[in-house]
Amino acid sequence: MSHVTPIPSLAGGALIGLAAAVLWRANGRIAGISGIVAGAVAEAGAERLWRVCFLLGLVGAPLALAAVFGPPSIIIDTPVGQVGLAGLLVGFGTRLGGGCTSGHGVCGLARLSTRSIVATGLFMASAALTVFITRHGIGAP
């Protein structure tokens, strides 16, 4: 059974790109989620407000879609502790890499940033290596 969904994937990618472009044109800000989250905690006033609104939209949009169309049928059979550890490692890597995949991969590549090109290449190589090890090295399906 194939899990390839080209039309929804294309639409989702286009919406991410559109959101990044609108944020850049409207606020002059890069749509890097880790930076937006960090600023929502550290900044004050209008700088905090737009960040909090962005994050509320990021969480609220899928909740609104689920309320209208029903929840998606996603099955995650990974233990909660393992998912939590993975999240912490992603957060650590994000801080170490000076940004996340959305900041570097979507916005940085569009600006032809050398740092983002290198970071995105490393993200992709790490992901490929992780899948290879998981599928062929430590026995996960």
Foldseek 3Di string as FASTA:
>chain_A
DDPDDVPVVVVVVVVLLVVQVCCCVVPVDGPFLVVLVVCLVVPDDPSNVVSVVVVCCVVVVLVVVCVVPNHDPDDDPDDPVVVVVVVVVQNVVQVVLVTHCRRLVRVVVVVVPPSSVVSNVVVVVVVVVVVCCCVPNPDHD
